Amino acid sequence: MTVAAIKEYLAVPRDRVENFHGKQLVYVSWDRHLLFAAPFLLCLPPETPFRELVNGPLAMLLQADPDAAAIDWTKVEWLKSNQPWTPDFDASLAANGIGHKDQLRLRTAGLNSLLAA
């Protein structure tokens, strides 16, 4: 998009990983669950174990959905950057190849109660 300015315009992105004091941004969304209008944005250290992400902030954020208690995390289908992906729950985000501003999506077959018709 073209910018019309009266003087030189220098855009400085403020969401660079250097600005998060050793943490990184990770987006997570739950496909076919419209209770959540947009992906969750989490700020986590890259050494966070994936299991801690799932059992901690992600579980707390999803609990508002009526299907949340029925999630079988061993059967969740994951996508990373829109590609099928299998996480290692015992490895860190970094070891799982999850970088700054990556998006994770989860799909739960059979748990689609809020799917739009």
PDB file of N, CA and C in Angstrom:
ATOM      1  N   MET A   1       0.844  -1.163   0.000  1.00  0.00           N
ATOM      2  CA  MET A   1       0.000   0.000   0.000  1.00  0.00           C
ATOM      3  C   MET A   1       0.894   1.232   0.000  1.00  0.00           C
ATOM      4  N   THR A   2       0.556   2.175  -0.819  1.00  0.00           N
ATOM      5  CA  THR A   2       1.318   3.409  -0.926  1.00  0.00           C
ATOM      6  C   THR A   2       0.989   4.330   0.239  1.00  0.00           C
ATOM      7  N   VAL A   3       2.021   4.997   0.752  1.00  0.00           N
ATOM      8  CA  VAL A   3       1.846   5.951   1.847  1.00  0.00           C
ATOM      9  C   VAL A   3       2.100   7.350   1.300  1.00  0.00           C
ATOM     10  N   ALA A   4       1.149   8.249   1.525  1.00  0.00           N
ATOM     11  CA  ALA A   4       1.333   9.644   1.147  1.00  0.00           C
ATOM     12  C   ALA A   4       1.710  10.404   2.411  1.00  0.00           C
ATOM     13  N   ALA A   5       2.899  11.003   2.421  1.00  0.00           N
ATOM     14  CA  ALA A   5       3.377  11.698   3.616  1.00  0.00           C
ATOM     15  C   ALA A   5       4.037  13.013   3.215  1.00  0.00           C
ATOM     16  N   ILE A   6       4.038  13.957   4.127  1.00  0.00           N
ATOM     17  CA  ILE A   6       4.656  15.253   3.830  1.00  0.00           C
ATOM     18  C   ILE A   6       6.169  15.232   4.034  1.00  0.00           C
ATOM     19  N   LYS A   7       6.671  14.177   4.638  1.00  0.00           N
ATOM     20  CA  LYS A   7       8.115  13.993   4.775  1.00  0.00           C
ATOM     21  C   LYS A   7       8.417  12.497   4.685  1.00  0.00           C
ATOM     22  N   GLU A   8       9.699  12.150   4.682  1.00  0.00           N
ATOM     23  CA  GLU A   8      10.088  10.743   4.568  1.00  0.00           C
ATOM     24  C   GLU A   8       9.438   9.916   5.678  1.00  0.00           C
ATOM     25  N   TYR A   9       8.891   8.776   5.290  1.00  0.00           N
ATOM     26  CA  TYR A   9       8.190   7.906   6.236  1.00  0.00           C
ATOM     27  C   TYR A   9       9.018   6.635   6.434  1.00  0.00           C
ATOM     28  N   LEU A  10       9.457   6.417   7.659  1.00  0.00           N
ATOM     29  CA  LEU A  10      10.226   5.222   7.977  1.00  0.00           C
ATOM     30  C   LEU A  10       9.410   4.354   8.929  1.00  0.00           C
ATOM     31  N   ALA A  11       8.959   3.235   8.428  1.00  0.00           N
ATOM     32  CA  ALA A  11       8.179   2.322   9.267  1.00  0.00           C
ATOM     33  C   ALA A  11       9.131   1.453  10.077  1.00  0.00           C
ATOM     34  N   VAL A  12       8.903   1.409  11.367  1.00  0.00           N
ATOM     35  CA  VAL A  12       9.711   0.579  12.252  1.00  0.00           C
ATOM     36  C   VAL A  12       8.774  -0.433  12.915  1.00  0.00           C
ATOM     37  N   PRO A  13       8.846  -1.701  12.500  1.00  0.00           N
ATOM     38  CA  PRO A  13       7.953  -2.685  13.103  1.00  0.00           C
ATOM     39  C   PRO A  13       8.251  -2.850  14.591  1.00  0.00           C
ATOM     40  N   ARG A  14       7.228  -2.822  15.411  1.00  0.00           N
ATOM     41  CA  ARG A  14       7.404  -2.925  16.853  1.00  0.00           C
ATOM     42  C   ARG A  14       7.170  -4.334  17.378  1.00  0.00           C
ATOM     43  N   ASP A  15       6.807  -5.249  16.476  1.00  0.00           N
ATOM     44  CA  ASP A  15       6.558  -6.618  16.925  1.00  0.00           C
ATOM     45  C   ASP A  15       7.707  -7.568  16.578  1.00  0.00           C
ATOM     46  N   ARG A  16       8.910  -7.011  16.427  1.00  0.00           N
ATOM     47  CA  ARG A  16      10.088  -7.850  16.181  1.00  0.00           C
ATOM     48  C   ARG A  16      10.423  -8.631  17.449  1.00  0.00           C
ATOM     49  N   VAL A  17      10.973  -9.808  17.290  1.00  0.00           N
ATOM     50  CA  VAL A  17      11.287 -10.675  18.425  1.00  0.00           C
ATOM     51  C   VAL A  17      12.225  -9.980  19.422  1.00  0.00           C
ATOM     52  N   GLU A  18      13.081  -9.090  18.955  1.00  0.00           N
ATOM     53  CA  GLU A  18      14.015  -8.387  19.836  1.00  0.00           C
ATOM     54  C   GLU A  18      13.300  -7.522  20.875  1.00  0.00           C
ATOM     55  N   ASN A  19      12.063  -7.181  20.607  1.00  0.00           N
ATOM     56  CA  ASN A  19      11.313  -6.300  21.506  1.00  0.00           C
ATOM     57  C   ASN A  19      10.545  -7.039  22.595  1.00  0.00           C
ATOM     58  N   PHE A  20      10.707  -8.347  22.683  1.00  0.00           N
ATOM     59  CA  PHE A  20       9.916  -9.131  23.634  1.00  0.00           C
ATOM     60  C   PHE A  20      10.754  -9.761  24.744  1.00  0.00           C
ATOM     61  N   HIS A  21      11.941  -9.256  24.959  1.00  0.00           N
ATOM     62  CA  HIS A  21      12.775  -9.619  26.117  1.00  0.00           C
ATOM     63  C   HIS A  21      12.934 -11.132  26.285  1.00  0.00           C
ATOM     64  N   GLY A  22      13.304 -11.808  25.208  1.00  0.00           N
ATOM     65  CA  GLY A  22      13.550 -13.249  25.276  1.00  0.00           C
ATOM     66  C   GLY A  22      12.321 -14.103  25.041  1.00  0.00           C
ATOM     67  N   LYS A  23      11.188 -13.489  24.829  1.00  0.00           N
ATOM     68  CA  LYS A  23       9.967 -14.251  24.544  1.00  0.00           C
ATOM     69  C   LYS A  23       9.625 -14.101  23.070  1.00  0.00           C
ATOM     70  N   GLN A  24       8.612 -14.849  22.642  1.00  0.00           N
ATOM     71  CA  GLN A  24       8.170 -14.758  21.258  1.00  0.00           C
ATOM     72  C   GLN A  24       6.654 -14.824  21.213  1.00  0.00           C
ATOM     73  N   LEU A  25       6.079 -14.327  20.130  1.00  0.00           N
ATOM     74  CA  LEU A  25       4.642 -14.382  19.940  1.00  0.00           C
ATOM     75  C   LEU A  25       4.275 -15.671  19.218  1.00  0.00           C
ATOM     76  N   VAL A  26       3.214 -16.317  19.676  1.00  0.00           N
ATOM     77  CA  VAL A  26       2.698 -17.528  19.035  1.00  0.00           C
ATOM     78  C   VAL A  26       1.185 -17.377  18.933  1.00  0.00           C
ATOM     79  N   TYR A  27       0.656 -17.565  17.736  1.00  0.00           N
ATOM     80  CA  TYR A  27      -0.788 -17.524  17.517  1.00  0.00           C
ATOM     81  C   TYR A  27      -1.324 -18.954  17.554  1.00  0.00           C
ATOM     82  N   VAL A  28      -2.478 -19.150  18.201  1.00  0.00           N
ATOM     83  CA  VAL A  28      -3.107 -20.477  18.252  1.00  0.00           C
ATOM     84  C   VAL A  28      -4.599 -20.316  18.014  1.00  0.00           C
ATOM     85  N   SER A  29      -5.148 -21.115  17.098  1.00  0.00           N
ATOM     86  CA  SER A  29      -6.583 -21.078  16.852  1.00  0.00           C
ATOM     87  C   SER A  29      -7.145 -22.499  16.821  1.00  0.00           C
ATOM     88  N   TRP A  30      -8.447 -22.588  17.096  1.00  0.00           N
ATOM     89  CA  TRP A  30      -9.160 -23.867  17.135  1.00  0.00           C
ATOM     90  C   TRP A  30     -10.147 -23.861  15.983  1.00  0.00           C
ATOM     91  N   ASP A  31      -9.861 -24.627  14.945  1.00  0.00           N
ATOM     92  CA  ASP A  31     -10.709 -24.675  13.762  1.00  0.00           C
ATOM     93  C   ASP A  31     -12.119 -25.142  14.114  1.00  0.00           C
ATOM     94  N   ARG A  32     -13.084 -24.558  13.428  1.00  0.00           N
ATOM     95  CA  ARG A  32     -14.500 -24.925  13.526  1.00  0.00           C
ATOM     96  C   ARG A  32     -15.118 -24.613  14.890  1.00  0.00           C
ATOM     97  N   HIS A  33     -14.541 -23.675  15.600  1.00  0.00           N
ATOM     98  CA  HIS A  33     -15.095 -23.237  16.885  1.00  0.00           C
ATOM     99  C   HIS A  33     -15.215 -21.723  16.851  1.00  0.00           C
ATOM    100  N   LEU A  34     -16.405 -21.275  16.524  1.00  0.00           N
ATOM    101  CA  LEU A  34     -16.630 -19.857  16.275  1.00  0.00           C
ATOM    102  C   LEU A  34     -16.811 -19.028  17.542  1.00  0.00           C
ATOM    103  N   LEU A  35     -16.747 -19.646  18.709  1.00  0.00           N
ATOM    104  CA  LEU A  35     -16.796 -18.878  19.944  1.00  0.00           C
ATOM    105  C   LEU A  35     -15.597 -17.926  20.017  1.00  0.00           C
ATOM    106  N   PHE A  36     -14.501 -18.321  19.381  1.00  0.00           N
ATOM    107  CA  PHE A  36     -13.274 -17.527  19.375  1.00  0.00           C
ATOM    108  C   PHE A  36     -13.129 -16.880  17.994  1.00  0.00           C
ATOM    109  N   ALA A  37     -13.277 -15.574  17.925  1.00  0.00           N
ATOM    110  CA  ALA A  37     -13.324 -14.869  16.646  1.00  0.00           C
ATOM    111  C   ALA A  37     -11.968 -14.763  15.951  1.00  0.00           C
ATOM    112  N   ALA A  38     -10.905 -14.911  16.685  1.00  0.00           N
ATOM    113  CA  ALA A  38      -9.565 -14.746  16.121  1.00  0.00           C
ATOM    114  C   ALA A  38      -8.607 -15.658  16.880  1.00  0.00           C
ATOM    115  N   PRO A  39      -7.434 -15.927  16.294  1.00  0.00           N
ATOM    116  CA  PRO A  39      -6.453 -16.740  17.025  1.00  0.00           C
ATOM    117  C   PRO A  39      -6.040 -16.068  18.336  1.00  0.00           C
ATOM    118  N   PHE A  40      -5.710 -16.892  19.314  1.00  0.00           N
ATOM    119  CA  PHE A  40      -5.150 -16.389  20.558  1.00  0.00           C
ATOM    120  C   PHE A  40      -3.721 -15.959  20.284  1.00  0.00           C
ATOM    121  N   LEU A  41      -3.278 -14.918  20.937  1.00  0.00           N
ATOM    122  CA  LEU A  41      -1.902 -14.451  20.817  1.00  0.00           C
ATOM    123  C   LEU A  41      -1.228 -14.655  22.165  1.00  0.00           C
ATOM    124  N   LEU A  42      -0.223 -15.523  22.183  1.00  0.00           N
ATOM    125  CA  LEU A  42       0.489 -15.845  23.418  1.00  0.00           C
ATOM    126  C   LEU A  42       1.926 -15.344  23.312  1.00  0.00           C
ATOM    127  N   CYS A  43       2.449 -14.864  24.413  1.00  0.00           N
ATOM    128  CA  CYS A  43       3.832 -14.396  24.486  1.00  0.00           C
ATOM    129  C   CYS A  43       4.570 -15.338  25.427  1.00  0.00           C
ATOM    130  N   LEU A  44       5.438 -16.181  24.869  1.00  0.00           N
ATOM    131  CA  LEU A  44       6.072 -17.261  25.629  1.00  0.00           C
ATOM    132  C   LEU A  44       7.567 -17.345  25.350  1.00  0.00           C
ATOM    133  N   PRO A  45       8.332 -17.809  26.323  1.00  0.00           N
ATOM    134  CA  PRO A  45       9.743 -18.070  26.046  1.00  0.00           C
ATOM    135  C   PRO A  45       9.879 -19.246  25.078  1.00  0.00           C
ATOM    136  N   PRO A  46      10.845 -19.211  24.167  1.00  0.00           N
ATOM    137  CA  PRO A  46      11.021 -20.307  23.212  1.00  0.00           C
ATOM    138  C   PRO A  46      11.344 -21.636  23.882  1.00  0.00           C
ATOM    139  N   GLU A  47      11.827 -21.594  25.141  1.00  0.00           N
ATOM    140  CA  GLU A  47      12.153 -22.850  25.831  1.00  0.00           C
ATOM    141  C   GLU A  47      10.947 -23.469  26.545  1.00  0.00           C
ATOM    142  N   THR A  48       9.768 -22.871  26.410  1.00  0.00           N
ATOM    143  CA  THR A  48       8.548 -23.422  27.008  1.00  0.00           C
ATOM    144  C   THR A  48       8.260 -24.785  26.402  1.00  0.00           C
ATOM    145  N   PRO A  49       8.095 -25.828  27.218  1.00  0.00           N
ATOM    146  CA  PRO A  49       7.713 -27.132  26.652  1.00  0.00           C
ATOM    147  C   PRO A  49       6.328 -27.039  26.010  1.00  0.00           C
ATOM    148  N   PHE A  50       6.148 -27.727  24.904  1.00  0.00           N
ATOM    149  CA  PHE A  50       4.866 -27.690  24.212  1.00  0.00           C
ATOM    150  C   PHE A  50       3.747 -28.158  25.133  1.00  0.00           C
ATOM    151  N   ARG A  51       4.006 -29.163  25.940  1.00  0.00           N
ATOM    152  CA  ARG A  51       3.003 -29.669  26.886  1.00  0.00           C
ATOM    153  C   ARG A  51       2.552 -28.562  27.846  1.00  0.00           C
ATOM    154  N   GLU A  52       3.485 -27.708  28.265  1.00  0.00           N
ATOM    155  CA  GLU A  52       3.144 -26.607  29.166  1.00  0.00           C
ATOM    156  C   GLU A  52       2.258 -25.580  28.462  1.00  0.00           C
ATOM    157  N   LEU A  53       2.513 -25.329  27.179  1.00  0.00           N
ATOM    158  CA  LEU A  53       1.653 -24.444  26.399  1.00  0.00           C
ATOM    159  C   LEU A  53       0.223 -24.988  26.368  1.00  0.00           C
ATOM    160  N   VAL A  54       0.090 -26.288  26.089  1.00  0.00           N
ATOM    161  CA  VAL A  54      -1.233 -26.915  25.980  1.00  0.00           C
ATOM    162  C   VAL A  54      -1.936 -26.981  27.332  1.00  0.00           C
ATOM    163  N   ASN A  55      -1.252 -27.460  28.355  1.00  0.00           N
ATOM    164  CA  ASN A  55      -1.886 -27.640  29.667  1.00  0.00           C
ATOM    165  C   ASN A  55      -2.070 -26.336  30.438  1.00  0.00           C
ATOM    166  N   GLY A  56      -1.325 -25.317  30.079  1.00  0.00           N
ATOM    167  CA  GLY A  56      -1.390 -24.043  30.785  1.00  0.00           C
ATOM    168  C   GLY A  56      -2.270 -23.040  30.065  1.00  0.00           C
ATOM    169  N   PRO A  57      -1.661 -22.071  29.368  1.00  0.00           N
ATOM    170  CA  PRO A  57      -2.455 -20.984  28.799  1.00  0.00           C
ATOM    171  C   PRO A  57      -3.500 -21.433  27.782  1.00  0.00           C
ATOM    172  N   LEU A  58      -3.177 -22.411  26.947  1.00  0.00           N
ATOM    173  CA  LEU A  58      -4.136 -22.825  25.931  1.00  0.00           C
ATOM    174  C   LEU A  58      -5.374 -23.462  26.562  1.00  0.00           C
ATOM    175  N   ALA A  59      -5.189 -24.362  27.520  1.00  0.00           N
ATOM    176  CA  ALA A  59      -6.330 -24.991  28.192  1.00  0.00           C
ATOM    177  C   ALA A  59      -7.185 -23.951  28.905  1.00  0.00           C
ATOM    178  N   MET A  60      -6.559 -22.972  29.531  1.00  0.00           N
ATOM    179  CA  MET A  60      -7.322 -21.925  30.229  1.00  0.00           C
ATOM    180  C   MET A  60      -8.132 -21.082  29.247  1.00  0.00           C
ATOM    181  N   LEU A  61      -7.552 -20.755  28.114  1.00  0.00           N
ATOM    182  CA  LEU A  61      -8.260 -19.939  27.136  1.00  0.00           C
ATOM    183  C   LEU A  61      -9.411 -20.692  26.477  1.00  0.00           C
ATOM    184  N   LEU A  62      -9.242 -21.987  26.255  1.00  0.00           N
ATOM    185  CA  LEU A  62     -10.269 -22.780  25.578  1.00  0.00           C
ATOM    186  C   LEU A  62     -11.416 -23.204  26.489  1.00  0.00           C
ATOM    187  N   GLN A  63     -11.239 -23.130  27.805  1.00  0.00           N
ATOM    188  CA  GLN A  63     -12.233 -23.674  28.726  1.00  0.00           C
ATOM    189  C   GLN A  63     -13.614 -23.041  28.591  1.00  0.00           C
ATOM    190  N   ALA A  64     -13.720 -21.871  27.991  1.00  0.00           N
ATOM    191  CA  ALA A  64     -15.030 -21.240  27.806  1.00  0.00           C
ATOM    192  C   ALA A  64     -15.898 -21.984  26.790  1.00  0.00           C
ATOM    193  N   ASP A  65     -15.273 -22.760  25.922  1.00  0.00           N
ATOM    194  CA  ASP A  65     -16.011 -23.507  24.909  1.00  0.00           C
ATOM    195  C   ASP A  65     -16.605 -24.775  25.516  1.00  0.00           C
ATOM    196  N   PRO A  66     -17.868 -25.106  25.219  1.00  0.00           N
ATOM    197  CA  PRO A  66     -18.480 -26.303  25.788  1.00  0.00           C
ATOM    198  C   PRO A  66     -17.767 -27.606  25.402  1.00  0.00           C
ATOM    199  N   ASP A  67     -17.035 -27.608  24.296  1.00  0.00           N
ATOM    200  CA  ASP A  67     -16.314 -28.806  23.858  1.00  0.00           C
ATOM    201  C   ASP A  67     -14.954 -28.970  24.529  1.00  0.00           C
ATOM    202  N   ALA A  68     -14.462 -27.960  25.210  1.00  0.00           N
ATOM    203  CA  ALA A  68     -13.084 -27.963  25.720  1.00  0.00           C
ATOM    204  C   ALA A  68     -12.787 -29.154  26.624  1.00  0.00           C
ATOM    205  N   ALA A  69     -13.688 -29.496  27.504  1.00  0.00           N
ATOM    206  CA  ALA A  69     -13.442 -30.597  28.447  1.00  0.00           C
ATOM    207  C   ALA A  69     -13.335 -31.944  27.745  1.00  0.00           C
ATOM    208  N   ALA A  70     -13.872 -32.053  26.543  1.00  0.00           N
ATOM    209  CA  ALA A  70     -13.863 -33.322  25.816  1.00  0.00           C
ATOM    210  C   ALA A  70     -12.665 -33.480  24.875  1.00  0.00           C
ATOM    211  N   ILE A  71     -11.775 -32.506  24.835  1.00  0.00           N
ATOM    212  CA  ILE A  71     -10.618 -32.609  23.935  1.00  0.00           C
ATOM    213  C   ILE A  71      -9.716 -33.750  24.375  1.00  0.00           C
ATOM    214  N   ASP A  72      -9.418 -34.639  23.444  1.00  0.00           N
ATOM    215  CA  ASP A  72      -8.417 -35.681  23.664  1.00  0.00           C
ATOM    216  C   ASP A  72      -7.152 -35.193  22.952  1.00  0.00           C
ATOM    217  N   TRP A  73      -6.225 -34.652  23.718  1.00  0.00           N
ATOM    218  CA  TRP A  73      -5.047 -34.023  23.131  1.00  0.00           C
ATOM    219  C   TRP A  73      -4.186 -34.995  22.343  1.00  0.00           C
ATOM    220  N   THR A  74      -4.328 -36.294  22.581  1.00  0.00           N
ATOM    221  CA  THR A  74      -3.553 -37.279  21.811  1.00  0.00           C
ATOM    222  C   THR A  74      -4.133 -37.467  20.410  1.00  0.00           C
ATOM    223  N   LYS A  75      -5.361 -36.978  20.182  1.00  0.00           N
ATOM    224  CA  LYS A  75      -6.005 -37.141  18.874  1.00  0.00           C
ATOM    225  C   LYS A  75      -6.171 -35.824  18.116  1.00  0.00           C
ATOM    226  N   VAL A  76      -5.685 -34.752  18.680  1.00  0.00           N
ATOM    227  CA  VAL A  76      -5.800 -33.452  18.019  1.00  0.00           C
ATOM    228  C   VAL A  76      -4.961 -33.458  16.740  1.00  0.00           C
ATOM    229  N   GLU A  77      -5.528 -32.919  15.672  1.00  0.00           N
ATOM    230  CA  GLU A  77      -4.780 -32.713  14.429  1.00  0.00           C
ATOM    231  C   GLU A  77      -4.235 -31.290  14.463  1.00  0.00           C
ATOM    232  N   TRP A  78      -2.929 -31.172  14.314  1.00  0.00           N
ATOM    233  CA  TRP A  78      -2.266 -29.871  14.387  1.00  0.00           C
ATOM    234  C   TRP A  78      -1.829 -29.407  13.009  1.00  0.00           C
ATOM    235  N   LEU A  79      -1.874 -28.108  12.810  1.00  0.00           N
ATOM    236  CA  LEU A  79      -1.301 -27.489  11.626  1.00  0.00           C
ATOM    237  C   LEU A  79      -0.374 -26.376  12.100  1.00  0.00           C
ATOM    238  N   LYS A  80       0.779 -26.286  11.473  1.00  0.00           N
ATOM    239  CA  LYS A  80       1.725 -25.203  11.756  1.00  0.00           C
ATOM    240  C   LYS A  80       1.966 -24.501  10.431  1.00  0.00           C
ATOM    241  N   SER A  81       1.687 -23.221  10.385  1.00  0.00           N
ATOM    242  CA  SER A  81       1.783 -22.452   9.140  1.00  0.00           C
ATOM    243  C   SER A  81       0.963 -23.129   8.032  1.00  0.00           C
ATOM    244  N   ASN A  82      -0.224 -23.595   8.406  1.00  0.00           N
ATOM    245  CA  ASN A  82      -1.192 -24.230   7.505  1.00  0.00           C
ATOM    246  C   ASN A  82      -0.732 -25.556   6.915  1.00  0.00           C
ATOM    247  N   GLN A  83       0.251 -26.193   7.509  1.00  0.00           N
ATOM    248  CA  GLN A  83       0.724 -27.506   7.058  1.00  0.00           C
ATOM    249  C   GLN A  83       0.516 -28.521   8.171  1.00  0.00           C
ATOM    250  N   PRO A  84       0.085 -29.754   7.845  1.00  0.00           N
ATOM    251  CA  PRO A  84      -0.048 -30.775   8.890  1.00  0.00           C
ATOM    252  C   PRO A  84       1.268 -30.931   9.648  1.00  0.00           C
ATOM    253  N   TRP A  85       1.147 -31.139  10.944  1.00  0.00           N
ATOM    254  CA  TRP A  85       2.328 -31.122  11.800  1.00  0.00           C
ATOM    255  C   TRP A  85       2.046 -31.924  13.061  1.00  0.00           C
ATOM    256  N   THR A  86       3.039 -32.622  13.549  1.00  0.00           N
ATOM    257  CA  THR A  86       2.911 -33.393  14.784  1.00  0.00           C
ATOM    258  C   THR A  86       3.901 -32.843  15.802  1.00  0.00           C
ATOM    259  N   PRO A  87       3.397 -32.242  16.878  1.00  0.00           N
ATOM    260  CA  PRO A  87       4.304 -31.685  17.878  1.00  0.00           C
ATOM    261  C   PRO A  87       4.871 -32.759  18.794  1.00  0.00           C
ATOM    262  N   ASP A  88       6.039 -32.483  19.340  1.00  0.00           N
ATOM    263  CA  ASP A  88       6.622 -33.306  20.406  1.00  0.00           C
ATOM    264  C   ASP A  88       6.260 -32.591  21.699  1.00  0.00           C
ATOM    265  N   PHE A  89       5.338 -33.170  22.470  1.00  0.00           N
ATOM    266  CA  PHE A  89       4.825 -32.515  23.667  1.00  0.00           C
ATOM    267  C   PHE A  89       5.899 -32.297  24.730  1.00  0.00           C
ATOM    268  N   ASP A  90       6.964 -33.079  24.699  1.00  0.00           N
ATOM    269  CA  ASP A  90       8.012 -32.951  25.707  1.00  0.00           C
ATOM    270  C   ASP A  90       9.145 -32.026  25.282  1.00  0.00           C
ATOM    271  N   ALA A  91       9.118 -31.578  24.033  1.00  0.00           N
ATOM    272  CA  ALA A  91      10.164 -30.681  23.532  1.00  0.00           C
ATOM    273  C   ALA A  91       9.694 -29.226  23.663  1.00  0.00           C
ATOM    274  N   SER A  92      10.652 -28.330  23.613  1.00  0.00           N
ATOM    275  CA  SER A  92      10.349 -26.899  23.723  1.00  0.00           C
ATOM    276  C   SER A  92       9.699 -26.387  22.441  1.00  0.00           C
ATOM    277  N   LEU A  93       9.177 -25.172  22.516  1.00  0.00           N
ATOM    278  CA  LEU A  93       8.630 -24.546  21.313  1.00  0.00           C
ATOM    279  C   LEU A  93       9.718 -24.445  20.247  1.00  0.00           C
ATOM    280  N   ALA A  94      10.906 -24.000  20.653  1.00  0.00           N
ATOM    281  CA  ALA A  94      12.010 -23.863  19.700  1.00  0.00           C
ATOM    282  C   ALA A  94      12.380 -25.204  19.077  1.00  0.00           C
ATOM    283  N   ALA A  95      12.457 -26.248  19.887  1.00  0.00           N
ATOM    284  CA  ALA A  95      12.805 -27.574  19.365  1.00  0.00           C
ATOM    285  C   ALA A  95      11.721 -28.115  18.445  1.00  0.00           C
ATOM    286  N   ASN A  96      10.484 -27.657  18.625  1.00  0.00           N
ATOM    287  CA  ASN A  96       9.385 -28.040  17.745  1.00  0.00           C
ATOM    288  C   ASN A  96       9.336 -27.173  16.488  1.00  0.00           C
ATOM    289  N   GLY A  97      10.279 -26.251  16.358  1.00  0.00           N
ATOM    290  CA  GLY A  97      10.330 -25.403  15.182  1.00  0.00           C
ATOM    291  C   GLY A  97       9.316 -24.275  15.192  1.00  0.00           C
ATOM    292  N   ILE A  98       8.827 -23.933  16.372  1.00  0.00           N
ATOM    293  CA  ILE A  98       7.853 -22.855  16.500  1.00  0.00           C
ATOM    294  C   ILE A  98       8.611 -21.565  16.750  1.00  0.00           C
ATOM    295  N   GLY A  99       8.525 -20.655  15.794  1.00  0.00           N
ATOM    296  CA  GLY A  99       9.250 -19.404  15.889  1.00  0.00           C
ATOM    297  C   GLY A  99       8.331 -18.228  16.165  1.00  0.00           C
ATOM    298  N   HIS A 100       8.924 -17.055  16.211  1.00  0.00           N
ATOM    299  CA  HIS A 100       8.213 -15.810  16.484  1.00  0.00           C
ATOM    300  C   HIS A 100       7.125 -15.585  15.443  1.00  0.00           C
ATOM    301  N   LYS A 101       5.901 -15.360  15.910  1.00  0.00           N
ATOM    302  CA  LYS A 101       4.728 -15.059  15.103  1.00  0.00           C
ATOM    303  C   LYS A 101       4.248 -16.241  14.260  1.00  0.00           C
ATOM    304  N   ASP A 102       4.639 -17.464  14.609  1.00  0.00           N
ATOM    305  CA  ASP A 102       4.089 -18.642  13.935  1.00  0.00           C
ATOM    306  C   ASP A 102       2.651 -18.855  14.387  1.00  0.00           C
ATOM    307  N   GLN A 103       1.853 -19.451  13.496  1.00  0.00           N
ATOM    308  CA  GLN A 103       0.469 -19.760  13.852  1.00  0.00           C
ATOM    309  C   GLN A 103       0.283 -21.267  13.917  1.00  0.00           C
ATOM    310  N   LEU A 104      -0.303 -21.721  15.023  1.00  0.00           N
ATOM    311  CA  LEU A 104      -0.688 -23.112  15.200  1.00  0.00           C
ATOM    312  C   LEU A 104      -2.203 -23.194  15.134  1.00  0.00           C
ATOM    313  N   ARG A 105      -2.708 -24.222  14.471  1.00  0.00           N
ATOM    314  CA  ARG A 105      -4.147 -24.464  14.433  1.00  0.00           C
ATOM    315  C   ARG A 105      -4.396 -25.877  14.933  1.00  0.00           C
ATOM    316  N   LEU A 106      -5.490 -26.052  15.669  1.00  0.00           N
ATOM    317  CA  LEU A 106      -5.848 -27.386  16.105  1.00  0.00           C
ATOM    318  C   LEU A 106      -7.228 -27.744  15.594  1.00  0.00           C
ATOM    319  N   ARG A 107      -7.372 -29.014  15.264  1.00  0.00           N
ATOM    320  CA  ARG A 107      -8.646 -29.564  14.804  1.00  0.00           C
ATOM    321  C   ARG A 107      -8.992 -30.737  15.690  1.00  0.00           C
ATOM    322  N   THR A 108     -10.253 -30.786  16.078  1.00  0.00           N
ATOM    323  CA  THR A 108     -10.722 -31.855  16.962  1.00  0.00           C
ATOM    324  C   THR A 108     -11.919 -32.534  16.299  1.00  0.00           C
ATOM    325  N   ALA A 109     -11.679 -33.651  15.668  1.00  0.00           N
ATOM    326  CA  ALA A 109     -12.742 -34.371  14.956  1.00  0.00           C
ATOM    327  C   ALA A 109     -13.868 -34.711  15.926  1.00  0.00           C
ATOM    328  N   GLY A 110     -15.096 -34.415  15.505  1.00  0.00           N
ATOM    329  CA  GLY A 110     -16.259 -34.733  16.324  1.00  0.00           C
ATOM    330  C   GLY A 110     -16.628 -33.660  17.331  1.00  0.00           C
ATOM    331  N   LEU A 111     -15.754 -32.705  17.573  1.00  0.00           N
ATOM    332  CA  LEU A 111     -16.041 -31.620  18.510  1.00  0.00           C
ATOM    333  C   LEU A 111     -16.212 -30.330  17.716  1.00  0.00           C
ATOM    334  N   ASN A 112     -17.379 -30.181  17.154  1.00  0.00           N
ATOM    335  CA  ASN A 112     -17.638 -29.021  16.297  1.00  0.00           C
ATOM    336  C   ASN A 112     -18.983 -28.387  16.644  1.00  0.00           C
ATOM    337  N   SER A 113     -19.318 -28.314  17.925  1.00  0.00           N
ATOM    338  CA  SER A 113     -20.646 -27.863  18.318  1.00  0.00           C
ATOM    339  C   SER A 113     -20.937 -26.422  17.942  1.00  0.00           C
ATOM    340  N   LEU A 114     -19.950 -25.619  17.741  1.00  0.00           N
ATOM    341  CA  LEU A 114     -20.186 -24.214  17.420  1.00  0.00           C
ATOM    342  C   LEU A 114     -19.920 -23.922  15.950  1.00  0.00           C
ATOM    343  N   LEU A 115     -19.912 -24.965  15.130  1.00  0.00           N
ATOM    344  CA  LEU A 115     -19.692 -24.815  13.701  1.00  0.00           C
ATOM    345  C   LEU A 115     -20.885 -24.123  13.076  1.00  0.00           C
ATOM    346  N   ALA A 116     -20.638 -23.111  12.277  1.00  0.00           N
ATOM    347  CA  ALA A 116     -21.726 -22.420  11.572  1.00  0.00           C
ATOM    348  C   ALA A 116     -22.321 -23.366  10.543  1.00  0.00           C
ATOM    349  N   ALA A 117     -23.609 -23.357  10.406  1.00  0.00           N
ATOM    350  CA  ALA A 117     -24.292 -24.252   9.447  1.00  0.00           C
ATOM    351  C   ALA A 117     -24.178 -23.735   8.043  1.00  0.00           C
TER     352      ALA A 117
END
